[in-house]
Amino acid sequence: VRTGLPYRHREAHDIVKKFPPIFKDDPVFISGDFNDPLHPGRILSEAGFKDVFTLLHEPHPLTFPCLGLTDEEYLAEGIDKLMVIGFKPLMACSPHFYIPGSTLSDHYPLVAMLEL
């Protein structure tokens, strides 16, 4: 058990450490709501994953909160990630749209076009 990381990050770290042998020569992407702007990206980077926005030399967009669904307007976080091994991102963005009173998530989505 690693020390210095909260439990959920230790668990993610241990799982991701097993990825490189499994994905040795295969392209892989991981995308999701990680609810943390720092540690999941760092842990995935240690396993060889690259953030698509970093590869495109663009700042990571803010994906939380979607102001149409939440009153947590004091927050502004990029806690959703799209990270790759073996793909070249051609473009990536986070469309900020919602339907008032009827939206799918309190996060904005991430969209990317990847090339093998």
C-alpha atoms as a PDB file:
ATOM      1  CA  VAL A   1       0.000   0.000   0.000  1.00  0.00           C
ATOM      2  CA  ARG A   2       1.394   3.354  -1.021  1.00  0.00           C
ATOM      3  CA  THR A   3       1.376   6.109   1.524  1.00  0.00           C
ATOM      4  CA  GLY A   4       0.694   9.767   0.932  1.00  0.00           C
ATOM      5  CA  LEU A   5      -2.305   9.257  -1.377  1.00  0.00           C
ATOM      6  CA  PRO A   6      -5.971   9.181  -0.371  1.00  0.00           C
ATOM      7  CA  TYR A   7      -7.460   5.667  -0.531  1.00  0.00           C
ATOM      8  CA  ARG A   8      -9.298   6.138  -3.855  1.00  0.00           C
ATOM      9  CA  HIS A   9      -6.097   7.439  -5.486  1.00  0.00           C
ATOM     10  CA  ARG A  10      -3.996   4.562  -4.094  1.00  0.00           C
ATOM     11  CA  GLU A  11      -6.507   2.137  -5.583  1.00  0.00           C
ATOM     12  CA  ALA A  12      -6.448   3.915  -8.975  1.00  0.00           C
ATOM     13  CA  HIS A  13      -2.655   3.997  -8.868  1.00  0.00           C
ATOM     14  CA  ASP A  14      -2.437   0.240  -8.222  1.00  0.00           C
ATOM     15  CA  ILE A  15      -4.877  -0.567 -11.045  1.00  0.00           C
ATOM     16  CA  VAL A  16      -3.213   1.744 -13.564  1.00  0.00           C
ATOM     17  CA  LYS A  17       0.232   0.344 -12.768  1.00  0.00           C
ATOM     18  CA  LYS A  18      -1.004  -2.953 -14.269  1.00  0.00           C
ATOM     19  CA  PHE A  19      -1.988  -1.285 -17.590  1.00  0.00           C
ATOM     20  CA  PRO A  20       1.367  -0.965 -19.408  1.00  0.00           C
ATOM     21  CA  PRO A  21       1.970  -4.738 -19.791  1.00  0.00           C
ATOM     22  CA  ILE A  22      -1.627  -5.261 -20.925  1.00  0.00           C
ATOM     23  CA  PHE A  23      -1.602  -2.399 -23.438  1.00  0.00           C
ATOM     24  CA  LYS A  24       2.026  -2.714 -24.480  1.00  0.00           C
ATOM     25  CA  ASP A  25       1.495  -2.174 -28.216  1.00  0.00           C
ATOM     26  CA  ASP A  26      -2.196  -1.246 -28.410  1.00  0.00           C
ATOM     27  CA  PRO A  27      -3.636   2.262 -28.590  1.00  0.00           C
ATOM     28  CA  VAL A  28      -5.819   3.011 -25.571  1.00  0.00           C
ATOM     29  CA  PHE A  29      -7.980   5.898 -24.431  1.00  0.00           C
ATOM     30  CA  ILE A  30      -9.474   6.537 -21.031  1.00  0.00           C
ATOM     31  CA  SER A  31     -12.174   9.114 -20.529  1.00  0.00           C
ATOM     32  CA  GLY A  32     -14.272   9.936 -17.535  1.00  0.00           C
ATOM     33  CA  ASP A  33     -15.369  12.100 -14.661  1.00  0.00           C
ATOM     34  CA  PHE A  34     -12.546  11.712 -12.161  1.00  0.00           C
ATOM     35  CA  ASN A  35     -13.879  14.274  -9.650  1.00  0.00           C
ATOM     36  CA  ASP A  36     -10.337  15.508  -9.000  1.00  0.00           C
ATOM     37  CA  PRO A  37      -8.402  17.971 -11.177  1.00  0.00           C
ATOM     38  CA  LEU A  38      -4.930  16.767 -10.135  1.00  0.00           C
ATOM     39  CA  HIS A  39      -4.282  13.207  -8.950  1.00  0.00           C
ATOM     40  CA  PRO A  40      -6.010  11.031 -11.600  1.00  0.00           C
ATOM     41  CA  GLY A  41      -4.202  12.875 -14.406  1.00  0.00           C
ATOM     42  CA  ARG A  42      -0.882  12.515 -12.604  1.00  0.00           C
ATOM     43  CA  ILE A  43      -1.472   8.807 -11.904  1.00  0.00           C
ATOM     44  CA  LEU A  44      -2.461   8.112 -15.517  1.00  0.00           C
ATOM     45  CA  SER A  45       0.550  10.111 -16.751  1.00  0.00           C
ATOM     46  CA  GLU A  46       2.840   7.905 -14.650  1.00  0.00           C
ATOM     47  CA  ALA A  47       1.346   4.910 -16.505  1.00  0.00           C
ATOM     48  CA  GLY A  48       2.156   6.479 -19.900  1.00  0.00           C
ATOM     49  CA  PHE A  49      -1.144   8.191 -20.737  1.00  0.00           C
ATOM     50  CA  LYS A  50      -1.153  11.721 -22.192  1.00  0.00           C
ATOM     51  CA  ASP A  51      -3.944  14.268 -21.837  1.00  0.00           C
ATOM     52  CA  VAL A  52      -5.339  15.177 -25.290  1.00  0.00           C
ATOM     53  CA  PHE A  53      -5.385  18.894 -24.464  1.00  0.00           C
ATOM     54  CA  THR A  54      -1.745  18.778 -23.383  1.00  0.00           C
ATOM     55  CA  LEU A  55      -0.816  17.002 -26.632  1.00  0.00           C
ATOM     56  CA  LEU A  56      -2.655  19.742 -28.569  1.00  0.00           C
ATOM     57  CA  HIS A  57      -0.878  22.460 -26.536  1.00  0.00           C
ATOM     58  CA  GLU A  58      -4.238  23.778 -25.334  1.00  0.00           C
ATOM     59  CA  PRO A  59      -5.374  24.557 -21.803  1.00  0.00           C
ATOM     60  CA  HIS A  60      -7.654  21.960 -20.277  1.00  0.00           C
ATOM     61  CA  PRO A  61     -11.250  23.251 -20.368  1.00  0.00           C
ATOM     62  CA  LEU A  62     -13.440  23.695 -17.330  1.00  0.00           C
ATOM     63  CA  THR A  63     -15.992  20.885 -17.307  1.00  0.00           C
ATOM     64  CA  PHE A  64     -17.683  21.396 -13.948  1.00  0.00           C
ATOM     65  CA  PRO A  65     -20.162  22.728 -13.046  1.00  0.00           C
ATOM     66  CA  CYS A  66     -22.744  22.956 -15.800  1.00  0.00           C
ATOM     67  CA  LEU A  67     -24.427  26.085 -14.501  1.00  0.00           C
ATOM     68  CA  GLY A  68     -27.790  25.143 -15.954  1.00  0.00           C
ATOM     69  CA  LEU A  69     -28.114  22.279 -13.491  1.00  0.00           C
ATOM     70  CA  THR A  70     -26.316  23.285 -10.314  1.00  0.00           C
ATOM     71  CA  ASP A  71     -25.960  26.272  -8.035  1.00  0.00           C
ATOM     72  CA  GLU A  72     -22.288  25.444  -7.331  1.00  0.00           C
ATOM     73  CA  GLU A  73     -21.258  28.425  -9.442  1.00  0.00           C
ATOM     74  CA  TYR A  74     -18.312  29.197  -7.158  1.00  0.00           C
ATOM     75  CA  LEU A  75     -16.549  26.089  -8.517  1.00  0.00           C
ATOM     76  CA  ALA A  76     -14.623  25.977 -11.785  1.00  0.00           C
ATOM     77  CA  GLU A  77     -12.801  22.701 -12.341  1.00  0.00           C
ATOM     78  CA  GLY A  78     -11.468  20.559 -15.168  1.00  0.00           C
ATOM     79  CA  ILE A  79     -12.242  17.242 -13.492  1.00  0.00           C
ATOM     80  CA  ASP A  80     -13.204  15.295 -16.611  1.00  0.00           C
ATOM     81  CA  LYS A  81     -10.306  13.797 -18.563  1.00  0.00           C
ATOM     82  CA  LEU A  82      -9.634  12.204 -21.930  1.00  0.00           C
ATOM     83  CA  MET A  83      -6.189  10.584 -21.932  1.00  0.00           C
ATOM     84  CA  VAL A  84      -4.516   8.435 -24.572  1.00  0.00           C
ATOM     85  CA  ILE A  85      -1.675   6.084 -25.395  1.00  0.00           C
ATOM     86  CA  GLY A  86      -0.889   5.577 -29.093  1.00  0.00           C
ATOM     87  CA  PHE A  87      -3.400   8.074 -30.496  1.00  0.00           C
ATOM     88  CA  LYS A  88      -2.705  11.462 -32.034  1.00  0.00           C
ATOM     89  CA  PRO A  89      -5.429  13.970 -31.124  1.00  0.00           C
ATOM     90  CA  LEU A  90      -6.496  16.097 -34.075  1.00  0.00           C
ATOM     91  CA  MET A  91      -8.869  18.284 -32.066  1.00  0.00           C
ATOM     92  CA  ALA A  92     -10.573  18.356 -28.685  1.00  0.00           C
ATOM     93  CA  CYS A  93     -13.072  20.625 -26.977  1.00  0.00           C
ATOM     94  CA  SER A  94     -15.724  20.845 -24.300  1.00  0.00           C
ATOM     95  CA  PRO A  95     -18.987  22.144 -25.773  1.00  0.00           C
ATOM     96  CA  HIS A  96     -20.717  24.265 -23.149  1.00  0.00           C
ATOM     97  CA  PHE A  97     -24.419  23.889 -23.758  1.00  0.00           C
ATOM     98  CA  TYR A  98     -27.451  22.838 -21.791  1.00  0.00           C
ATOM     99  CA  ILE A  99     -31.207  22.779 -22.021  1.00  0.00           C
ATOM    100  CA  PRO A 100     -32.571  24.778 -19.053  1.00  0.00           C
ATOM    101  CA  GLY A 101     -34.191  22.426 -16.552  1.00  0.00           C
ATOM    102  CA  SER A 102     -33.344  19.368 -18.640  1.00  0.00           C
ATOM    103  CA  THR A 103     -29.710  18.442 -19.018  1.00  0.00           C
ATOM    104  CA  LEU A 104     -27.931  15.097 -18.958  1.00  0.00           C
ATOM    105  CA  SER A 105     -25.215  15.936 -16.460  1.00  0.00           C
ATOM    106  CA  ASP A 106     -23.870  18.573 -14.104  1.00  0.00           C
ATOM    107  CA  HIS A 107     -20.612  18.295 -16.124  1.00  0.00           C
ATOM    108  CA  TYR A 108     -19.908  19.531 -19.634  1.00  0.00           C
ATOM    109  CA  PRO A 109     -18.810  16.810 -22.094  1.00  0.00           C
ATOM    110  CA  LEU A 110     -15.405  16.335 -23.691  1.00  0.00           C
ATOM    111  CA  VAL A 111     -15.171  15.669 -27.424  1.00  0.00           C
ATOM    112  CA  ALA A 112     -12.081  14.640 -29.362  1.00  0.00           C
ATOM    113  CA  MET A 113     -11.088  13.423 -32.804  1.00  0.00           C
ATOM    114  CA  LEU A 114      -8.218  10.926 -32.608  1.00  0.00           C
ATOM    115  CA  GLU A 115      -5.972   9.455 -35.282  1.00  0.00           C
ATOM    116  CA  LEU A 116      -4.183   6.100 -35.077  1.00  0.00           C
END
